[in-house]
Amino acid sequence: MEFLVEFEVNVPDGAPASEVELRFSAEASAAARLVDEGHLVRLWRPPAAPGEIKALGLYRADSAAQLAGLLGDLPLYDWMQIAVTPLEPHPNDAVPQETVSATATSQP
């Protein structure tokens, strides 16, 4: 299954700079791991106001429960507002469904 995931990160007031740096560094490592595992397909930065931290990601998971577990393990999870939209193939998609399914199953 594929999911569109919208993130907004809200660093708590007074969070020590060292903790913020550590969490953001760990988040980058976690994202790389999710890419390697075939769960994180794409990641974008949507428009944001100054000081806002937003991301938009295309994820693959076997179920909504699996995705929730993956997101819950992210180092910034406690500081995130997350919106998840499950995605279904569209009959007019430019990529044939067989290709999408083969790509999803060929990931390690």
PDB file of N, CA and C in Angstrom:
ATOM      1  N   MET A   1       0.842  -1.166   0.000  1.00  0.00           N
ATOM      2  CA  MET A   1       0.000   0.000   0.000  1.00  0.00           C
ATOM      3  C   MET A   1       0.897   1.242   0.000  1.00  0.00           C
ATOM      4  N   GLU A   2       0.360   2.294  -0.598  1.00  0.00           N
ATOM      5  CA  GLU A   2       1.088   3.556  -0.598  1.00  0.00           C
ATOM      6  C   GLU A   2       0.308   4.589   0.210  1.00  0.00           C
ATOM      7  N   PHE A   3       1.059   5.492   0.839  1.00  0.00           N
ATOM      8  CA  PHE A   3       0.478   6.508   1.711  1.00  0.00           C
ATOM      9  C   PHE A   3       1.160   7.845   1.464  1.00  0.00           C
ATOM     10  N   LEU A   4       0.375   8.895   1.431  1.00  0.00           N
ATOM     11  CA  LEU A   4       0.898  10.250   1.416  1.00  0.00           C
ATOM     12  C   LEU A   4       0.931  10.710   2.871  1.00  0.00           C
ATOM     13  N   VAL A   5       2.107  11.119   3.335  1.00  0.00           N
ATOM     14  CA  VAL A   5       2.272  11.500   4.739  1.00  0.00           C
ATOM     15  C   VAL A   5       2.744  12.948   4.798  1.00  0.00           C
ATOM     16  N   GLU A   6       1.965  13.762   5.513  1.00  0.00           N
ATOM     17  CA  GLU A   6       2.304  15.170   5.709  1.00  0.00           C
ATOM     18  C   GLU A   6       2.815  15.346   7.134  1.00  0.00           C
ATOM     19  N   PHE A   7       3.966  15.992   7.250  1.00  0.00           N
ATOM     20  CA  PHE A   7       4.596  16.220   8.550  1.00  0.00           C
ATOM     21  C   PHE A   7       4.730  17.719   8.791  1.00  0.00           C
ATOM     22  N   GLU A   8       4.509  18.112  10.019  1.00  0.00           N
ATOM     23  CA  GLU A   8       4.917  19.436  10.474  1.00  0.00           C
ATOM     24  C   GLU A   8       5.644  19.228  11.786  1.00  0.00           C
ATOM     25  N   VAL A   9       6.869  19.733  11.856  1.00  0.00           N
ATOM     26  CA  VAL A   9       7.688  19.568  13.049  1.00  0.00           C
ATOM     27  C   VAL A   9       7.579  20.840  13.884  1.00  0.00           C
ATOM     28  N   ASN A  10       7.255  20.666  15.149  1.00  0.00           N
ATOM     29  CA  ASN A  10       7.158  21.774  16.096  1.00  0.00           C
ATOM     30  C   ASN A  10       8.126  21.512  17.242  1.00  0.00           C
ATOM     31  N   VAL A  11       9.297  22.132  17.145  1.00  0.00           N
ATOM     32  CA  VAL A  11      10.302  21.975  18.198  1.00  0.00           C
ATOM     33  C   VAL A  11       9.787  22.699  19.443  1.00  0.00           C
ATOM     34  N   PRO A  12       9.759  22.017  20.575  1.00  0.00           N
ATOM     35  CA  PRO A  12       9.250  22.653  21.798  1.00  0.00           C
ATOM     36  C   PRO A  12      10.099  23.860  22.208  1.00  0.00           C
ATOM     37  N   ASP A  13       9.436  24.879  22.705  1.00  0.00           N
ATOM     38  CA  ASP A  13      10.157  26.035  23.241  1.00  0.00           C
ATOM     39  C   ASP A  13      11.083  25.559  24.351  1.00  0.00           C
ATOM     40  N   GLY A  14      12.280  26.065  24.321  1.00  0.00           N
ATOM     41  CA  GLY A  14      13.234  25.723  25.371  1.00  0.00           C
ATOM     42  C   GLY A  14      13.971  24.415  25.162  1.00  0.00           C
ATOM     43  N   ALA A  15      13.712  23.728  24.047  1.00  0.00           N
ATOM     44  CA  ALA A  15      14.439  22.478  23.790  1.00  0.00           C
ATOM     45  C   ALA A  15      15.923  22.815  23.621  1.00  0.00           C
ATOM     46  N   PRO A  16      16.798  22.092  24.304  1.00  0.00           N
ATOM     47  CA  PRO A  16      18.232  22.373  24.178  1.00  0.00           C
ATOM     48  C   PRO A  16      18.706  22.197  22.732  1.00  0.00           C
ATOM     49  N   ALA A  17      19.550  23.112  22.287  1.00  0.00           N
ATOM     50  CA  ALA A  17      20.052  23.062  20.915  1.00  0.00           C
ATOM     51  C   ALA A  17      20.729  21.729  20.615  1.00  0.00           C
ATOM     52  N   SER A  18      21.410  21.162  21.611  1.00  0.00           N
ATOM     53  CA  SER A  18      22.090  19.879  21.395  1.00  0.00           C
ATOM     54  C   SER A  18      21.083  18.765  21.116  1.00  0.00           C
ATOM     55  N   GLU A  19      19.937  18.782  21.807  1.00  0.00           N
ATOM     56  CA  GLU A  19      18.906  17.771  21.571  1.00  0.00           C
ATOM     57  C   GLU A  19      18.274  17.950  20.199  1.00  0.00           C
ATOM     58  N   VAL A  20      18.024  19.196  19.815  1.00  0.00           N
ATOM     59  CA  VAL A  20      17.443  19.472  18.502  1.00  0.00           C
ATOM     60  C   VAL A  20      18.380  18.966  17.407  1.00  0.00           C
ATOM     61  N   GLU A  21      19.661  19.276  17.524  1.00  0.00           N
ATOM     62  CA  GLU A  21      20.643  18.833  16.537  1.00  0.00           C
ATOM     63  C   GLU A  21      20.727  17.315  16.484  1.00  0.00           C
ATOM     64  N   LEU A  22      20.749  16.688  17.650  1.00  0.00           N
ATOM     65  CA  LEU A  22      20.818  15.227  17.722  1.00  0.00           C
ATOM     66  C   LEU A  22      19.602  14.582  17.071  1.00  0.00           C
ATOM     67  N   ARG A  23      18.413  15.087  17.378  1.00  0.00           N
ATOM     68  CA  ARG A  23      17.187  14.505  16.803  1.00  0.00           C
ATOM     69  C   ARG A  23      17.125  14.685  15.285  1.00  0.00           C
ATOM     70  N   PHE A  24      17.498  15.862  14.791  1.00  0.00           N
ATOM     71  CA  PHE A  24      17.452  16.074  13.348  1.00  0.00           C
ATOM     72  C   PHE A  24      18.473  15.198  12.627  1.00  0.00           C
ATOM     73  N   SER A  25      19.627  15.013  13.220  1.00  0.00           N
ATOM     74  CA  SER A  25      20.633  14.121  12.640  1.00  0.00           C
ATOM     75  C   SER A  25      20.129  12.678  12.630  1.00  0.00           C
ATOM     76  N   ALA A  26      19.541  12.246  13.733  1.00  0.00           N
ATOM     77  CA  ALA A  26      18.988  10.891  13.819  1.00  0.00           C
ATOM     78  C   ALA A  26      17.830  10.711  12.839  1.00  0.00           C
ATOM     79  N   GLU A  27      17.055  11.770  12.631  1.00  0.00           N
ATOM     80  CA  GLU A  27      15.931  11.712  11.682  1.00  0.00           C
ATOM     81  C   GLU A  27      16.444  11.461  10.268  1.00  0.00           C
ATOM     82  N   ALA A  28      17.545  12.123   9.896  1.00  0.00           N
ATOM     83  CA  ALA A  28      18.133  11.916   8.565  1.00  0.00           C
ATOM     84  C   ALA A  28      18.588  10.468   8.402  1.00  0.00           C
ATOM     85  N   SER A  29      19.186   9.907   9.439  1.00  0.00           N
ATOM     86  CA  SER A  29      19.616   8.500   9.386  1.00  0.00           C
ATOM     87  C   SER A  29      18.418   7.567   9.289  1.00  0.00           C
ATOM     88  N   ALA A  30      17.365   7.864  10.040  1.00  0.00           N
ATOM     89  CA  ALA A  30      16.161   7.033   9.998  1.00  0.00           C
ATOM     90  C   ALA A  30      15.515   7.086   8.615  1.00  0.00           C
ATOM     91  N   ALA A  31      15.491   8.268   8.006  1.00  0.00           N
ATOM     92  CA  ALA A  31      14.924   8.396   6.657  1.00  0.00           C
ATOM     93  C   ALA A  31      15.735   7.572   5.656  1.00  0.00           C
ATOM     94  N   ALA A  32      17.058   7.619   5.762  1.00  0.00           N
ATOM     95  CA  ALA A  32      17.905   6.834   4.855  1.00  0.00           C
ATOM     96  C   ALA A  32      17.627   5.337   5.019  1.00  0.00           C
ATOM     97  N   ARG A  33      17.434   4.895   6.260  1.00  0.00           N
ATOM     98  CA  ARG A  33      17.116   3.480   6.510  1.00  0.00           C
ATOM     99  C   ARG A  33      15.774   3.104   5.884  1.00  0.00           C
ATOM    100  N   LEU A  34      14.780   3.989   6.023  1.00  0.00           N
ATOM    101  CA  LEU A  34      13.467   3.720   5.432  1.00  0.00           C
ATOM    102  C   LEU A  34      13.538   3.661   3.910  1.00  0.00           C
ATOM    103  N   VAL A  35      14.401   4.481   3.314  1.00  0.00           N
ATOM    104  CA  VAL A  35      14.622   4.415   1.865  1.00  0.00           C
ATOM    105  C   VAL A  35      15.217   3.058   1.512  1.00  0.00           C
ATOM    106  N   ASP A  36      16.258   2.661   2.228  1.00  0.00           N
ATOM    107  CA  ASP A  36      16.919   1.378   1.961  1.00  0.00           C
ATOM    108  C   ASP A  36      15.960   0.203   2.096  1.00  0.00           C
ATOM    109  N   GLU A  37      15.006   0.312   3.018  1.00  0.00           N
ATOM    110  CA  GLU A  37      14.038  -0.767   3.245  1.00  0.00           C
ATOM    111  C   GLU A  37      12.864  -0.710   2.275  1.00  0.00           C
ATOM    112  N   GLY A  38      12.806   0.328   1.439  1.00  0.00           N
ATOM    113  CA  GLY A  38      11.724   0.449   0.459  1.00  0.00           C
ATOM    114  C   GLY A  38      10.450   1.076   0.998  1.00  0.00           C
ATOM    115  N   HIS A  39      10.496   1.631   2.206  1.00  0.00           N
ATOM    116  CA  HIS A  39       9.294   2.245   2.777  1.00  0.00           C
ATOM    117  C   HIS A  39       9.141   3.714   2.396  1.00  0.00           C
ATOM    118  N   LEU A  40      10.232   4.447   2.348  1.00  0.00           N
ATOM    119  CA  LEU A  40      10.189   5.859   1.968  1.00  0.00           C
ATOM    120  C   LEU A  40      10.568   5.968   0.508  1.00  0.00           C
ATOM    121  N   VAL A  41       9.580   6.339  -0.323  1.00  0.00           N
ATOM    122  CA  VAL A  41       9.774   6.374  -1.770  1.00  0.00           C
ATOM    123  C   VAL A  41      10.242   7.748  -2.229  1.00  0.00           C
ATOM    124  N   ARG A  42       9.603   8.779  -1.728  1.00  0.00           N
ATOM    125  CA  ARG A  42       9.942  10.167  -2.099  1.00  0.00           C
ATOM    126  C   ARG A  42       9.704  11.056  -0.897  1.00  0.00           C
ATOM    127  N   LEU A  43      10.412  12.181  -0.857  1.00  0.00           N
ATOM    128  CA  LEU A  43      10.250  13.148   0.222  1.00  0.00           C
ATOM    129  C   LEU A  43      10.407  14.546  -0.372  1.00  0.00           C
ATOM    130  N   TRP A  44       9.465  15.428  -0.033  1.00  0.00           N
ATOM    131  CA  TRP A  44       9.468  16.791  -0.558  1.00  0.00           C
ATOM    132  C   TRP A  44       9.359  17.792   0.581  1.00  0.00           C
ATOM    133  N   ARG A  45       9.723  19.041   0.273  1.00  0.00           N
ATOM    134  CA  ARG A  45       9.490  20.168   1.182  1.00  0.00           C
ATOM    135  C   ARG A  45       8.412  21.040   0.563  1.00  0.00           C
ATOM    136  N   PRO A  46       7.219  21.029   1.110  1.00  0.00           N
ATOM    137  CA  PRO A  46       6.175  21.913   0.582  1.00  0.00           C
ATOM    138  C   PRO A  46       6.432  23.341   1.050  1.00  0.00           C
ATOM    139  N   PRO A  47       5.754  24.310   0.437  1.00  0.00           N
ATOM    140  CA  PRO A  47       5.913  25.695   0.904  1.00  0.00           C
ATOM    141  C   PRO A  47       5.597  25.797   2.391  1.00  0.00           C
ATOM    142  N   ALA A  48       6.387  26.605   3.083  1.00  0.00           N
ATOM    143  CA  ALA A  48       6.196  26.800   4.526  1.00  0.00           C
ATOM    144  C   ALA A  48       6.520  28.246   4.867  1.00  0.00           C
ATOM    145  N   ALA A  49       5.876  28.722   5.889  1.00  0.00           N
ATOM    146  CA  ALA A  49       6.154  30.063   6.385  1.00  0.00           C
ATOM    147  C   ALA A  49       7.524  30.065   7.070  1.00  0.00           C
ATOM    148  N   PRO A  50       8.135  31.235   7.219  1.00  0.00           N
ATOM    149  CA  PRO A  50       9.417  31.285   7.933  1.00  0.00           C
ATOM    150  C   PRO A  50       9.289  30.654   9.321  1.00  0.00           C
ATOM    151  N   GLY A  51      10.240  29.793   9.640  1.00  0.00           N
ATOM    152  CA  GLY A  51      10.232  29.119  10.933  1.00  0.00           C
ATOM    153  C   GLY A  51       9.446  27.822  10.966  1.00  0.00           C
ATOM    154  N   GLU A  52       8.636  27.559   9.945  1.00  0.00           N
ATOM    155  CA  GLU A  52       7.889  26.296   9.883  1.00  0.00           C
ATOM    156  C   GLU A  52       8.771  25.214   9.263  1.00  0.00           C
ATOM    157  N   ILE A  53       8.620  24.010   9.754  1.00  0.00           N
ATOM    158  CA  ILE A  53       9.344  22.863   9.216  1.00  0.00           C
ATOM    159  C   ILE A  53       8.304  21.853   8.762  1.00  0.00           C
ATOM    160  N   LYS A  54       8.195  21.681   7.443  1.00  0.00           N
ATOM    161  CA  LYS A  54       7.197  20.765   6.883  1.00  0.00           C
ATOM    162  C   LYS A  54       7.866  19.804   5.909  1.00  0.00           C
ATOM    163  N   ALA A  55       7.244  18.655   5.754  1.00  0.00           N
ATOM    164  CA  ALA A  55       7.691  17.670   4.768  1.00  0.00           C
ATOM    165  C   ALA A  55       6.465  16.914   4.272  1.00  0.00           C
ATOM    166  N   LEU A  56       6.608  16.374   3.093  1.00  0.00           N
ATOM    167  CA  LEU A  56       5.565  15.584   2.456  1.00  0.00           C
ATOM    168  C   LEU A  56       6.255  14.343   1.906  1.00  0.00           C
ATOM    169  N   GLY A  57       5.780  13.157   2.305  1.00  0.00           N
ATOM    170  CA  GLY A  57       6.453  11.932   1.893  1.00  0.00           C
ATOM    171  C   GLY A  57       5.507  10.920   1.283  1.00  0.00           C
ATOM    172  N   LEU A  58       6.038  10.146   0.347  1.00  0.00           N
ATOM    173  CA  LEU A  58       5.329   9.011  -0.228  1.00  0.00           C
ATOM    174  C   LEU A  58       5.947   7.766   0.393  1.00  0.00           C
ATOM    175  N   TYR A  59       5.128   7.017   1.124  1.00  0.00           N
ATOM    176  CA  TYR A  59       5.582   5.830   1.844  1.00  0.00           C
ATOM    177  C   TYR A  59       4.906   4.586   1.307  1.00  0.00           C
ATOM    178  N   ARG A  60       5.591   3.456   1.456  1.00  0.00           N
ATOM    179  CA  ARG A  60       5.015   2.144   1.170  1.00  0.00           C
ATOM    180  C   ARG A  60       5.083   1.305   2.440  1.00  0.00           C
ATOM    181  N   ALA A  61       3.978   0.641   2.728  1.00  0.00           N
ATOM    182  CA  ALA A  61       3.916  -0.259   3.886  1.00  0.00           C
ATOM    183  C   ALA A  61       2.864  -1.315   3.590  1.00  0.00           C
ATOM    184  N   ASP A  62       2.956  -2.425   4.296  1.00  0.00           N
ATOM    185  CA  ASP A  62       1.988  -3.505   4.101  1.00  0.00           C
ATOM    186  C   ASP A  62       0.603  -3.138   4.616  1.00  0.00           C
ATOM    187  N   SER A  63       0.558  -2.211   5.581  1.00  0.00           N
ATOM    188  CA  SER A  63      -0.716  -1.842   6.185  1.00  0.00           C
ATOM    189  C   SER A  63      -0.570  -0.487   6.864  1.00  0.00           C
ATOM    190  N   ALA A  64      -1.716   0.089   7.235  1.00  0.00           N
ATOM    191  CA  ALA A  64      -1.696   1.340   7.994  1.00  0.00           C
ATOM    192  C   ALA A  64      -1.026   1.120   9.348  1.00  0.00           C
ATOM    193  N   ALA A  65      -1.223  -0.048   9.924  1.00  0.00           N
ATOM    194  CA  ALA A  65      -0.598  -0.348  11.218  1.00  0.00           C
ATOM    195  C   ALA A  65       0.926  -0.384  11.097  1.00  0.00           C
ATOM    196  N   GLN A  66       1.427  -0.991  10.032  1.00  0.00           N
ATOM    197  CA  GLN A  66       2.877  -1.023   9.833  1.00  0.00           C
ATOM    198  C   GLN A  66       3.411   0.397   9.654  1.00  0.00           C
ATOM    199  N   LEU A  67       2.714   1.203   8.856  1.00  0.00           N
ATOM    200  CA  LEU A  67       3.142   2.588   8.654  1.00  0.00           C
ATOM    201  C   LEU A  67       3.159   3.338   9.982  1.00  0.00           C
ATOM    202  N   ALA A  68       2.139   3.165  10.795  1.00  0.00           N
ATOM    203  CA  ALA A  68       2.087   3.835  12.100  1.00  0.00           C
ATOM    204  C   ALA A  68       3.306   3.454  12.938  1.00  0.00           C
ATOM    205  N   GLY A  69       3.696   2.200  12.889  1.00  0.00           N
ATOM    206  CA  GLY A  69       4.882   1.765  13.616  1.00  0.00           C
ATOM    207  C   GLY A  69       6.151   2.406  13.089  1.00  0.00           C
ATOM    208  N   LEU A  70       6.266   2.495  11.768  1.00  0.00           N
ATOM    209  CA  LEU A  70       7.439   3.125  11.160  1.00  0.00           C
ATOM    210  C   LEU A  70       7.529   4.598  11.555  1.00  0.00           C
ATOM    211  N   LEU A  71       6.398   5.288  11.489  1.00  0.00           N
ATOM    212  CA  LEU A  71       6.386   6.713  11.823  1.00  0.00           C
ATOM    213  C   LEU A  71       6.626   6.925  13.319  1.00  0.00           C
ATOM    214  N   GLY A  72       6.071   6.065  14.141  1.00  0.00           N
ATOM    215  CA  GLY A  72       6.241   6.177  15.581  1.00  0.00           C
ATOM    216  C   GLY A  72       7.674   5.984  16.035  1.00  0.00           C
ATOM    217  N   ASP A  73       8.480   5.326  15.220  1.00  0.00           N
ATOM    218  CA  ASP A  73       9.893   5.108  15.545  1.00  0.00           C
ATOM    219  C   ASP A  73      10.788   6.269  15.130  1.00  0.00           C
ATOM    220  N   LEU A  74      10.242   7.262  14.430  1.00  0.00           N
ATOM    221  CA  LEU A  74      11.069   8.385  13.982  1.00  0.00           C
ATOM    222  C   LEU A  74      11.532   9.225  15.174  1.00  0.00           C
ATOM    223  N   PRO A  75      12.785   9.667  15.156  1.00  0.00           N
ATOM    224  CA  PRO A  75      13.326  10.456  16.274  1.00  0.00           C
ATOM    225  C   PRO A  75      12.572  11.763  16.540  1.00  0.00           C
ATOM    226  N   LEU A  76      11.950  12.341  15.525  1.00  0.00           N
ATOM    227  CA  LEU A  76      11.208  13.591  15.704  1.00  0.00           C
ATOM    228  C   LEU A  76       9.721  13.367  15.965  1.00  0.00           C
ATOM    229  N   TYR A  77       9.296  12.123  16.066  1.00  0.00           N
ATOM    230  CA  TYR A  77       7.874  11.802  16.165  1.00  0.00           C
ATOM    231  C   TYR A  77       7.160  12.604  17.257  1.00  0.00           C
ATOM    232  N   ASP A  78       7.784  12.720  18.428  1.00  0.00           N
ATOM    233  CA  ASP A  78       7.156  13.445  19.545  1.00  0.00           C
ATOM    234  C   ASP A  78       6.895  14.911  19.216  1.00  0.00           C
ATOM    235  N   TRP A  79       7.616  15.434  18.264  1.00  0.00           N
ATOM    236  CA  TRP A  79       7.508  16.846  17.907  1.00  0.00           C
ATOM    237  C   TRP A  79       6.711  17.059  16.623  1.00  0.00           C
ATOM    238  N   MET A  80       6.112  16.019  16.092  1.00  0.00           N
ATOM    239  CA  MET A  80       5.442  16.096  14.789  1.00  0.00           C
ATOM    240  C   MET A  80       3.923  16.096  14.904  1.00  0.00           C
ATOM    241  N   GLN A  81       3.324  16.821  13.969  1.00  0.00           N
ATOM    242  CA  GLN A  81       1.912  16.633  13.649  1.00  0.00           C
ATOM    243  C   GLN A  81       1.942  15.906  12.312  1.00  0.00           C
ATOM    244  N   ILE A  82       1.212  14.797  12.238  1.00  0.00           N
ATOM    245  CA  ILE A  82       1.264  13.945  11.048  1.00  0.00           C
ATOM    246  C   ILE A  82      -0.146  13.716  10.534  1.00  0.00           C
ATOM    247  N   ALA A  83      -0.286  13.833   9.214  1.00  0.00           N
ATOM    248  CA  ALA A  83      -1.544  13.484   8.549  1.00  0.00           C
ATOM    249  C   ALA A  83      -1.221  12.419   7.500  1.00  0.00           C
ATOM    250  N   VAL A  84      -1.949  11.307   7.530  1.00  0.00           N
ATOM    251  CA  VAL A  84      -1.718  10.188   6.617  1.00  0.00           C
ATOM    252  C   VAL A  84      -2.933  10.019   5.728  1.00  0.00           C
ATOM    253  N   THR A  85      -2.668   9.922   4.412  1.00  0.00           N
ATOM    254  CA  THR A  85      -3.719   9.658   3.442  1.00  0.00           C
ATOM    255  C   THR A  85      -3.384   8.370   2.697  1.00  0.00           C
ATOM    256  N   PRO A  86      -4.189   7.308   2.868  1.00  0.00           N
ATOM    257  CA  PRO A  86      -3.965   6.092   2.079  1.00  0.00           C
ATOM    258  C   PRO A  86      -4.250   6.377   0.611  1.00  0.00           C
ATOM    259  N   LEU A  87      -3.438   5.815  -0.268  1.00  0.00           N
ATOM    260  CA  LEU A  87      -3.582   6.060  -1.698  1.00  0.00           C
ATOM    261  C   LEU A  87      -3.989   4.789  -2.429  1.00  0.00           C
ATOM    262  N   GLU A  88      -4.863   4.949  -3.398  1.00  0.00           N
ATOM    263  CA  GLU A  88      -5.299   3.848  -4.264  1.00  0.00           C
ATOM    264  C   GLU A  88      -4.842   4.160  -5.689  1.00  0.00           C
ATOM    265  N   PRO A  89      -4.538   3.157  -6.483  1.00  0.00           N
ATOM    266  CA  PRO A  89      -4.172   3.417  -7.881  1.00  0.00           C
ATOM    267  C   PRO A  89      -5.332   4.087  -8.619  1.00  0.00           C
ATOM    268  N   HIS A  90      -4.998   4.967  -9.528  1.00  0.00           N
ATOM    269  CA  HIS A  90      -5.985   5.644 -10.356  1.00  0.00           C
ATOM    270  C   HIS A  90      -5.931   5.014 -11.746  1.00  0.00           C
ATOM    271  N   PRO A  91      -7.074   4.792 -12.396  1.00  0.00           N
ATOM    272  CA  PRO A  91      -7.059   4.139 -13.714  1.00  0.00           C
ATOM    273  C   PRO A  91      -6.309   4.950 -14.772  1.00  0.00           C
ATOM    274  N   ASN A  92      -6.142   6.242 -14.572  1.00  0.00           N
ATOM    275  CA  ASN A  92      -5.421   7.076 -15.547  1.00  0.00           C
ATOM    276  C   ASN A  92      -3.974   7.324 -15.167  1.00  0.00           C
ATOM    277  N   ASP A  93      -3.468   6.590 -14.190  1.00  0.00           N
ATOM    278  CA  ASP A  93      -2.084   6.747 -13.765  1.00  0.00           C
ATOM    279  C   ASP A  93      -1.161   6.447 -14.936  1.00  0.00           C
ATOM    280  N   ALA A  94      -0.127   7.252 -15.080  1.00  0.00           N
ATOM    281  CA  ALA A  94       0.820   7.074 -16.182  1.00  0.00           C
ATOM    282  C   ALA A  94       1.689   5.830 -15.993  1.00  0.00           C
ATOM    283  N   VAL A  95       1.813   5.329 -14.770  1.00  0.00           N
ATOM    284  CA  VAL A  95       2.608   4.143 -14.490  1.00  0.00           C
ATOM    285  C   VAL A  95       1.666   2.955 -14.338  1.00  0.00           C
ATOM    286  N   PRO A  96       1.809   1.930 -15.175  1.00  0.00           N
ATOM    287  CA  PRO A  96       0.928   0.763 -15.047  1.00  0.00           C
ATOM    288  C   PRO A  96       1.023   0.152 -13.656  1.00  0.00           C
ATOM    289  N   GLN A  97      -0.105  -0.303 -13.126  1.00  0.00           N
ATOM    290  CA  GLN A  97      -0.152  -0.865 -11.775  1.00  0.00           C
ATOM    291  C   GLN A  97       0.800  -2.047 -11.627  1.00  0.00           C
ATOM    292  N   GLU A  98       1.004  -2.827 -12.669  1.00  0.00           N
ATOM    293  CA  GLU A  98       1.907  -3.966 -12.583  1.00  0.00           C
ATOM    294  C   GLU A  98       3.318  -3.493 -12.262  1.00  0.00           C
ATOM    295  N   THR A  99       3.722  -2.352 -12.810  1.00  0.00           N
ATOM    296  CA  THR A  99       5.049  -1.808 -12.561  1.00  0.00           C
ATOM    297  C   THR A  99       5.176  -1.361 -11.116  1.00  0.00           C
ATOM    298  N   VAL A 100       4.156  -0.683 -10.594  1.00  0.00           N
ATOM    299  CA  VAL A 100       4.170  -0.217  -9.217  1.00  0.00           C
ATOM    300  C   VAL A 100       4.229  -1.409  -8.281  1.00  0.00           C
ATOM    301  N   SER A 101       3.428  -2.436  -8.532  1.00  0.00           N
ATOM    302  CA  SER A 101       3.420  -3.620  -7.671  1.00  0.00           C
ATOM    303  C   SER A 101       4.765  -4.344  -7.727  1.00  0.00           C
ATOM    304  N   ALA A 102       5.341  -4.469  -8.919  1.00  0.00           N
ATOM    305  CA  ALA A 102       6.625  -5.143  -9.053  1.00  0.00           C
ATOM    306  C   ALA A 102       7.718  -4.381  -8.329  1.00  0.00           C
ATOM    307  N   THR A 103       7.687  -3.060  -8.394  1.00  0.00           N
ATOM    308  CA  THR A 103       8.677  -2.246  -7.708  1.00  0.00           C
ATOM    309  C   THR A 103       8.535  -2.408  -6.208  1.00  0.00           C
ATOM    310  N   ALA A 104       7.321  -2.412  -5.713  1.00  0.00           N
ATOM    311  CA  ALA A 104       7.074  -2.531  -4.261  1.00  0.00           C
ATOM    312  C   ALA A 104       7.545  -3.891  -3.750  1.00  0.00           C
ATOM    313  N   THR A 105       7.322  -4.946  -4.520  1.00  0.00           N
ATOM    314  CA  THR A 105       7.684  -6.287  -4.046  1.00  0.00           C
ATOM    315  C   THR A 105       9.167  -6.578  -4.258  1.00  0.00           C
ATOM    316  N   SER A 106       9.849  -5.829  -5.129  1.00  0.00           N
ATOM    317  CA  SER A 106      11.250  -6.101  -5.368  1.00  0.00           C
ATOM    318  C   SER A 106      12.152  -5.404  -4.367  1.00  0.00           C
ATOM    319  N   GLN A 107      11.579  -4.541  -3.521  1.00  0.00           N
ATOM    320  CA  GLN A 107      12.383  -3.848  -2.501  1.00  0.00           C
ATOM    321  C   GLN A 107      12.774  -4.847  -1.431  1.00  0.00           C
ATOM    322  N   PRO A 108      14.016  -4.726  -0.913  1.00  0.00           N
ATOM    323  CA  PRO A 108      14.460  -5.665   0.141  1.00  0.00           C
ATOM    324  C   PRO A 108      13.697  -5.474   1.420  1.00  0.00           C
TER     325      PRO A 108
END
